[in-house]
Protein backbone atom coordinates (compact mmCIF):
# COMPACT_ATOMS: atom_id res chain seq x y z
CA MET A 1 -5.94 10.96 15.18
CA ALA A 2 -2.20 11.51 15.94
CA SER A 3 -0.49 8.34 17.45
CA GLU A 4 2.79 6.22 17.59
CA LEU A 5 3.10 3.09 15.78
CA ASN A 6 4.11 0.45 18.20
CA ILE A 7 4.81 -3.09 16.93
CA SER A 8 4.74 -5.00 19.98
CA GLU A 9 1.03 -3.93 20.12
CA ILE A 10 0.14 -4.80 16.51
CA TYR A 11 2.32 -7.65 15.49
CA GLU A 12 -0.16 -10.18 16.37
CA GLN A 13 -2.92 -8.69 14.21
CA ASN A 14 -3.80 -9.14 10.51
CA LEU A 15 -0.91 -7.03 9.11
CA ASN A 16 -1.28 -5.36 6.02
CA PHE A 17 0.88 -2.27 4.27
CA LEU A 18 0.40 -0.10 1.37
CA ILE A 19 3.61 1.58 0.02
CA GLY A 20 3.31 4.58 -2.59
CA SER A 21 5.48 6.22 -4.73
CA GLY A 22 6.83 8.38 -1.78
CA ALA A 23 8.96 5.37 -0.70
CA SER A 24 10.85 5.42 -4.07
CA PHE A 25 11.44 8.81 -4.16
CA GLY A 26 15.16 9.56 -5.69
CA TYR A 27 14.88 6.15 -7.67
CA LEU A 28 13.37 7.55 -10.44
CA PRO A 29 11.76 10.91 -11.53
CA THR A 30 8.32 11.52 -9.75
CA LEU A 31 5.00 12.75 -11.74
CA GLN A 32 5.95 16.33 -10.26
CA LEU A 33 6.92 18.65 -13.09
CA SER A 34 8.60 22.19 -12.70
CA LEU A 35 6.35 23.97 -15.13
CA LYS A 36 3.90 26.14 -13.47
CA ASP A 37 0.42 27.51 -13.68
CA SER A 38 0.30 31.16 -14.89
CA LEU A 39 -2.51 32.04 -12.80
CA THR A 40 -1.94 30.01 -9.39
CA GLU A 41 1.80 29.48 -10.03
CA GLU A 42 1.44 26.01 -8.62
CA GLN A 43 3.58 23.35 -10.36
CA PHE A 44 1.96 20.97 -12.44
CA THR A 45 2.00 17.11 -12.27
CA VAL A 46 1.67 15.01 -15.28
CA GLU A 47 -1.72 14.19 -14.33
CA THR A 48 -2.91 17.86 -14.09
CA LEU A 49 -0.96 19.14 -17.02
CA SER A 50 -2.76 16.18 -19.16
CA VAL A 51 -5.95 17.33 -17.88
CA GLU A 52 -5.19 20.90 -18.80
CA LEU A 53 -3.81 20.15 -22.27
CA THR A 54 -6.83 17.84 -23.02
CA LYS A 55 -9.18 20.48 -21.94
CA GLN A 56 -7.57 22.93 -24.61
CA ASN A 57 -7.39 19.85 -27.42
CA GLN A 58 -3.57 19.94 -27.51
CA GLU A 59 -3.28 16.28 -28.60
CA THR A 60 0.32 16.53 -30.03
CA LEU A 61 1.33 18.36 -26.45
CA ASN A 62 -0.41 15.72 -24.58
CA THR A 63 1.24 13.10 -26.53
CA LEU A 64 4.88 14.59 -25.99
CA LEU A 65 3.79 14.78 -22.32
CA PHE A 66 3.36 10.93 -22.22
CA MET A 67 6.45 10.41 -24.47
CA HIS A 68 8.29 12.52 -21.78
CA TYR A 69 6.71 10.50 -18.92
CA TYR A 70 7.64 7.18 -20.82
CA ASN A 71 11.17 8.23 -21.47
CA SER A 72 11.95 9.44 -17.82
CA CYS A 73 9.81 7.12 -15.55
CA ILE A 74 8.66 3.93 -17.39
CA LYS A 75 11.50 2.91 -19.71
CA PRO A 76 14.19 3.01 -16.81
CA ALA A 77 12.08 0.94 -14.70
CA ILE A 78 11.45 -1.63 -17.56
CA GLU A 79 14.97 -1.61 -19.22
CA SER A 80 16.33 -5.47 -19.07
CA ASN A 81 19.87 -4.36 -18.78
CA PRO A 82 20.20 -1.31 -16.02
CA PRO A 83 23.47 0.06 -15.31
CA VAL A 84 25.50 -2.25 -13.06
CA PRO A 85 26.00 -1.68 -10.64
CA LEU A 86 23.13 0.50 -10.09
CA PRO A 87 24.21 4.39 -9.14
CA PRO A 88 24.12 5.41 -5.34
CA HIS A 89 21.07 7.07 -5.32
CA ARG A 90 19.02 3.99 -6.59
CA LEU A 91 21.10 1.58 -4.24
CA GLU A 92 20.10 3.89 -1.32
CA VAL A 93 16.45 3.61 -1.93
CA ILE A 94 16.84 -0.16 -2.28
CA SER A 95 18.51 -0.46 0.91
CA HIS A 96 15.60 1.17 2.44
CA TYR A 97 12.89 -1.32 0.86
CA THR A 98 15.51 -4.22 2.02
CA ASP A 99 15.40 -3.10 5.75
CA PHE A 100 11.70 -2.70 5.73
CA ILE A 101 10.91 -6.20 4.23
CA SER A 102 13.62 -7.38 6.75
CA THR A 103 11.68 -5.99 9.86
CA VAL A 104 8.57 -7.27 8.32
CA SER A 105 10.09 -10.67 8.08
CA SER A 106 11.38 -10.41 11.72
CA VAL A 107 7.74 -9.42 12.99
CA ILE A 108 5.56 -11.98 11.24
CA LYS A 109 7.89 -14.70 12.44
CA GLU A 110 6.90 -13.77 16.03
CA LYS A 111 2.97 -14.40 15.08
CA LYS A 112 1.31 -17.62 15.85
CA SER A 113 2.53 -20.42 13.51
CA ASN A 114 -0.55 -20.45 11.45
CA GLU A 115 -0.94 -16.62 11.08
CA ARG A 116 2.81 -15.95 9.85
CA LYS A 117 1.83 -13.87 6.94
CA CYS A 118 1.03 -10.25 5.74
CA ASN A 119 0.29 -8.41 2.80
CA ILE A 120 2.15 -5.66 0.92
CA TYR A 121 0.33 -3.68 -1.55
CA THR A 122 1.92 -1.24 -3.69
CA THR A 123 1.12 1.31 -6.36
CA ASN A 124 4.76 1.47 -7.68
CA TYR A 125 5.94 -0.40 -10.66
CA ASP A 126 9.53 0.65 -10.29
CA GLY A 127 10.95 -3.03 -9.27
CA CYS A 128 12.13 -1.78 -5.97
CA LEU A 129 10.20 -4.40 -4.06
CA GLU A 130 11.57 -7.16 -6.51
CA PHE A 131 15.15 -5.97 -6.17
CA ALA A 132 15.04 -5.76 -2.20
CA ALA A 133 13.37 -9.28 -2.08
CA GLU A 134 16.06 -10.68 -4.37
CA ASN A 135 18.90 -8.96 -1.92
CA ILE A 136 17.16 -10.62 1.17
CA LEU A 137 16.61 -14.06 -0.50
CA ALA A 138 20.00 -14.22 -2.15
CA LYS A 139 21.51 -14.06 1.34
CA GLY A 140 20.38 -17.43 1.91
CA GLY A 141 19.16 -18.83 5.24
CA GLN A 142 16.06 -17.02 4.99
CA THR A 143 13.12 -18.87 6.29
CA VAL A 144 10.52 -16.50 4.73
CA SER A 145 8.34 -16.94 1.74
CA ILE A 146 7.96 -14.06 -0.60
CA ASN A 147 4.83 -14.57 -2.73
CA ASP A 148 4.46 -12.43 -6.02
CA GLY A 149 1.02 -14.16 -6.92
CA THR A 150 2.67 -16.46 -9.70
CA SER A 151 2.57 -20.16 -10.15
CA GLY A 152 4.48 -22.25 -13.01
CA PHE A 153 8.02 -23.43 -13.92
CA LYS A 154 9.66 -21.93 -16.97
CA LYS A 155 6.65 -19.40 -17.14
CA ARG A 156 5.29 -17.93 -14.05
CA TYR A 157 1.59 -17.05 -14.38
CA PHE A 158 0.13 -14.47 -12.11
CA HIS A 159 -3.30 -15.01 -10.41
CA THR A 160 -4.66 -13.68 -7.01
CA LYS A 161 -5.60 -17.25 -5.92
CA ASN A 162 -1.99 -17.89 -5.70
CA TYR A 163 -1.66 -15.58 -2.37
CA ASN A 164 -3.67 -18.51 -0.86
CA ASN A 165 -0.78 -20.86 -1.54
CA HIS A 166 1.46 -21.28 1.53
CA VAL A 167 4.93 -23.07 2.01
CA ILE A 168 4.82 -25.71 4.83
CA GLN A 169 8.15 -27.21 6.25
CA ARG A 170 7.68 -30.84 7.02
CA GLY A 171 10.02 -33.25 9.00
CA ILE A 172 11.06 -36.15 6.91
CA PHE A 173 8.96 -38.71 8.78
CA ASP A 174 5.95 -36.06 9.11
CA ASN A 175 6.80 -35.71 12.56
CA TYR A 176 6.24 -32.06 12.49
CA SER A 177 4.64 -29.35 10.28
CA THR A 178 5.46 -25.86 10.30
CA PRO A 179 4.09 -22.94 8.00
CA THR A 180 6.78 -20.80 6.41
CA PRO A 181 6.27 -16.96 7.28
CA GLN A 182 5.05 -15.48 4.15
CA ILE A 183 5.16 -11.94 2.63
CA ASN A 184 2.44 -11.48 -0.22
CA VAL A 185 3.50 -8.58 -2.59
CA LEU A 186 0.59 -7.14 -4.58
CA HIS A 187 0.86 -4.54 -7.19
CA VAL A 188 -2.50 -2.67 -6.92
CA HIS A 189 -1.57 -0.41 -10.42
CA GLY A 190 -0.10 -3.50 -12.28
CA SER A 191 3.62 -4.32 -12.90
CA VAL A 192 5.91 -3.51 -15.82
CA TYR A 193 7.01 -7.24 -15.45
CA TRP A 194 3.41 -8.40 -16.59
CA LYS A 195 2.75 -9.29 -20.22
CA LYS A 196 -0.48 -10.70 -21.73
CA GLU A 197 -0.45 -14.21 -23.17
CA SER A 198 -3.35 -16.19 -24.34
CA GLY A 199 -5.50 -14.55 -22.00
CA HIS A 200 -3.38 -14.81 -18.86
CA ILE A 201 -0.91 -12.63 -17.16
CA VAL A 202 2.91 -13.85 -17.26
CA VAL A 203 5.36 -12.42 -15.14
CA ASP A 204 8.83 -12.26 -16.60
CA TYR A 205 11.52 -10.33 -14.41
CA GLY A 206 14.17 -10.84 -17.30
CA ASN A 207 13.57 -9.29 -20.67
CA GLN A 208 11.16 -6.67 -20.99
CA ASP A 209 10.34 -4.40 -24.22
CA ALA A 210 7.15 -2.30 -24.63
CA GLY A 211 8.13 -1.97 -28.21
CA ILE A 212 8.19 1.86 -28.05
CA SER A 213 10.96 3.75 -29.85
CA PHE A 214 11.39 7.20 -31.19
CA SER A 215 12.82 8.68 -34.47
CA ALA A 216 16.05 10.97 -33.89
CA ARG A 217 13.86 14.00 -34.87
CA GLU A 218 11.19 12.89 -32.14
CA LEU A 219 14.06 12.63 -29.69
CA ASP A 220 15.20 16.24 -30.41
CA ILE A 221 11.68 17.55 -29.85
CA LEU A 222 11.02 15.44 -26.74
CA ASN A 223 14.38 16.97 -25.36
CA GLU A 224 12.96 20.47 -26.13
CA PHE A 225 9.79 19.61 -24.55
CA SER A 226 11.54 17.97 -21.58
CA THR A 227 13.55 21.20 -21.10
CA ILE A 228 10.33 23.44 -20.80
CA VAL A 229 8.35 21.30 -18.54
CA GLY A 230 11.38 21.10 -16.33
CA ASN A 231 12.11 24.68 -16.28
CA GLU A 232 10.48 26.35 -12.87
CA ASN A 233 10.27 29.75 -14.81
CA ALA A 234 8.09 28.31 -17.39
CA THR A 235 4.38 28.10 -17.56
CA GLU A 236 1.64 26.47 -19.90
CA ASN A 237 2.11 29.65 -22.13
CA ASP A 238 5.36 28.68 -22.83
CA LEU A 239 4.48 25.11 -23.73
CA LEU A 240 1.52 26.30 -25.70
CA ALA A 241 3.83 28.26 -27.86
CA PHE A 242 5.99 25.17 -28.46
CA GLN A 243 3.86 23.38 -31.38
CA ARG A 244 5.24 20.30 -33.30
CA ASN A 245 1.69 18.95 -34.68
CA ASP A 246 3.25 17.42 -37.96
CA GLU A 247 6.47 15.89 -36.48
CA ILE A 248 4.90 13.43 -34.00
CA ALA A 249 3.33 9.84 -34.73
CA CYS A 250 0.54 10.45 -32.03
CA GLN A 251 -1.24 7.27 -32.85
CA ALA A 252 1.58 5.29 -33.45
CA PHE A 253 2.74 5.93 -29.89
CA TRP A 254 -0.59 5.52 -28.25
CA SER A 255 -1.32 2.35 -29.73
CA LYS A 256 1.77 0.81 -27.95
CA TYR A 257 1.70 2.93 -25.02
CA ASN A 258 -1.80 1.84 -24.18
CA LYS A 259 -0.60 -1.79 -24.05
CA LEU A 260 1.37 -1.08 -21.12
CA PRO A 261 0.46 -3.37 -18.09
CA ILE A 262 0.22 -0.59 -15.79
CA VAL A 263 -2.41 2.18 -14.43
CA ASN A 264 -2.20 5.23 -16.44
CA PRO A 265 -1.63 8.26 -14.24
CA THR A 266 -4.83 9.99 -15.58
CA LYS A 267 -6.97 7.29 -16.56
CA TRP A 268 -6.50 5.18 -13.76
CA LYS A 269 -7.52 2.01 -15.60
CA PHE A 270 -6.25 -0.43 -17.87
CA TYR A 271 -7.03 -0.71 -21.58
CA GLU A 272 -6.53 -4.31 -21.87
CA THR A 273 -9.42 -6.58 -20.34
CA VAL A 274 -6.98 -9.21 -18.84
CA PHE A 275 -4.89 -6.60 -17.02
CA GLU A 276 -8.28 -4.74 -15.68
CA GLU A 277 -9.61 -8.02 -14.56
CA ASN A 278 -6.45 -8.69 -12.05
CA TYR A 279 -6.45 -4.88 -11.27
CA TYR A 280 -9.87 -5.37 -9.62
CA GLN A 281 -9.07 -8.81 -8.50
CA ILE A 282 -6.36 -7.19 -6.58
CA LEU A 283 -8.47 -4.45 -5.09
CA ARG A 284 -10.97 -6.91 -4.18
CA HIS A 285 -8.26 -8.84 -2.32
CA LEU A 286 -7.50 -5.68 -0.40
CA SER A 287 -11.13 -4.89 0.45
CA PHE A 288 -11.27 -8.38 1.87
CA GLU A 289 -8.05 -8.09 3.91
CA LEU A 290 -9.60 -4.64 5.52
CA GLU A 291 -12.98 -6.44 6.34
CA ARG A 292 -11.12 -9.00 8.52
CA PRO A 293 -11.25 -8.90 12.43
CA ASN A 294 -8.29 -7.27 13.86
CA THR A 295 -6.71 -5.81 10.93
CA VAL A 296 -3.93 -3.33 11.01
CA PHE A 297 -3.27 -1.14 7.66
CA ILE A 298 0.00 0.85 7.67
CA THR A 299 0.32 3.20 4.60
CA PHE A 300 3.66 4.76 3.74
CA GLY A 301 4.52 7.33 1.11
CA PHE A 302 1.09 7.17 -0.41
CA SER A 303 -1.02 10.34 -1.11
CA PHE A 304 -4.62 8.69 -1.41
CA ALA A 305 -4.92 10.70 -4.81
CA ASP A 306 -6.25 7.25 -6.22
CA GLU A 307 -10.04 7.76 -5.40
CA HIS A 308 -10.33 3.85 -5.77
CA ILE A 309 -8.22 3.12 -3.06
CA LEU A 310 -9.40 6.04 -0.97
CA HIS A 311 -13.13 5.21 -1.23
CA LEU A 312 -12.45 1.57 -0.71
CA LEU A 313 -10.78 2.31 2.47
CA GLN A 314 -13.25 4.65 3.64
CA ARG A 315 -15.81 2.06 3.19
CA SER A 316 -13.83 -0.45 5.12
CA LEU A 317 -13.36 1.76 8.07
CA SER A 318 -16.66 0.91 9.30
CA ASN A 319 -15.10 -2.13 10.37
CA PRO A 320 -14.61 -1.38 14.06
CA SER A 321 -11.70 -3.64 14.57
CA LEU A 322 -9.75 -2.14 11.82
CA THR A 323 -6.81 0.36 12.77
CA VAL A 324 -5.38 2.41 9.91
CA TYR A 325 -1.84 4.12 10.47
CA VAL A 326 -1.31 6.80 7.84
CA CYS A 327 2.31 7.91 7.90
CA CYS A 328 2.61 11.43 6.90
CA PHE A 329 5.75 13.15 4.99
CA ASN A 330 5.61 16.40 7.05
CA GLU A 331 2.94 18.79 8.66
CA PRO A 332 1.25 19.96 5.37
CA GLU A 333 0.65 16.37 4.43
CA LYS A 334 -0.53 15.61 7.86
CA SER A 335 -3.15 18.29 7.47
CA VAL A 336 -4.20 17.21 4.17
CA MET A 337 -4.85 13.52 5.53
CA CYS A 338 -6.46 14.91 8.75
CA GLU A 339 -9.25 16.46 6.50
CA LYS A 340 -9.40 13.23 4.32
CA PHE A 341 -10.11 10.99 7.37
CA LYS A 342 -11.70 13.27 9.99
CA ASP A 343 -14.67 11.38 10.42
CA TYR A 344 -12.82 8.00 11.05
CA PRO A 345 -11.61 7.57 14.79
CA ASN A 346 -9.76 4.34 13.55
CA VAL A 347 -7.25 6.10 11.79
CA LYS A 348 -4.03 7.20 13.26
CA LEU A 349 -1.70 9.90 11.79
CA VAL A 350 1.98 9.21 12.21
CA THR A 351 4.52 11.97 12.23
CA THR A 352 8.17 12.52 13.23
CA GLU A 353 9.92 15.58 14.26
CA ALA A 354 11.74 15.81 11.00
CA VAL A 355 10.25 14.78 7.77
CA LEU A 356 9.17 10.98 7.80
CA ASN A 357 11.26 9.92 4.81
CA PHE A 358 11.81 5.80 4.26
CA SER A 359 14.96 6.22 6.29
CA ALA A 360 13.01 7.67 9.23
CA PHE A 361 10.07 5.14 8.78
CA ASN A 362 12.75 2.37 9.06
CA SER A 363 14.51 3.59 11.98
CA GLU A 364 11.97 5.58 14.01
CA VAL A 365 8.52 4.32 13.07
CA PHE A 366 8.30 0.67 11.84
CA THR A 367 11.54 -0.56 13.79
CA LEU A 368 11.97 -3.20 16.53
CA SER A 369 14.76 -1.15 18.20
CA LYS A 370 13.32 2.43 18.49
CA GLY A 371 15.72 4.90 19.90
CA ASP A 372 14.39 8.17 20.99
CA ARG A 373 11.27 7.87 18.84
CA THR A 374 9.14 11.00 18.59
CA ALA A 375 6.25 9.93 16.40
CA ASN A 376 3.51 12.40 17.53
CA GLY A 377 0.97 14.74 16.21
């Protein structure tokens, strides 16, 4: 299953990417917690801790967990007035995305004129792809169209059918017609820039307000909670001893949190019908692309913990002309992926000598000017 990823061998095929949270490492906190299981000593994640708290009927602690998740991960992603300029660690992550999109743009420009497109699917809702796209388009002179699935004028409405729209450059006298290279960006888990309006999804990259706020007392309790889940010497027993049942307005929080247009880390579904319908339409779009002949699917920063996507991909691997490149962060991740895809010869695992982070992906794996690349198994 080990393989190199050579752009010169794949660029003319139907190109698709899946970008997961590993690509945005360092931009916002991840779902990983420092709190450990007292028996296994394994660190909890937001998902696994929520499962444990639900099992023990700890409604208030589970609510505090998602208050912590909202405050540390979601709110910084949707805030309409982020710090300007962005802190260096965030700028570095966005620069990796910018380099990636620039390379993708250069690659699809080399394809045949009627095939100059690719799809970038992402489970992230941190806004990094949007920041990077803006960086590229702001430079001017770009001849690539980045399609986010919207149409409209003052209001931009999202629909998957808009990914079939293409920009064509024509001569003044219609003496030539050239399709503009196009990158489709599809948010598999929804987007913080979505909002429901009259049965439709409006995309607004400006002002966003989830309407979630906490009292001063709730913030104090939340800070204490965050300290515990961020303590590598603490276990779930320390958390269970932290009880504030009468001081947290659980229902008031959930009534607003459940309206967020993103897939919940534990439920893996939307609560709003409009969002759910589009979520499945994007998965359907992905399924159709993987069924097409001569398709290449490159995944980076994605753990395949989402069983919807894992099973969808495994079903599609019966397509003999589909080739999947799974970029593995390190050897332990490679072992996990090897087990997931051991029955599928058209899955290639890509690693590098050091860890395969976004910088290494851009410079050693998905690059037009490879140096001493050592991608191997």
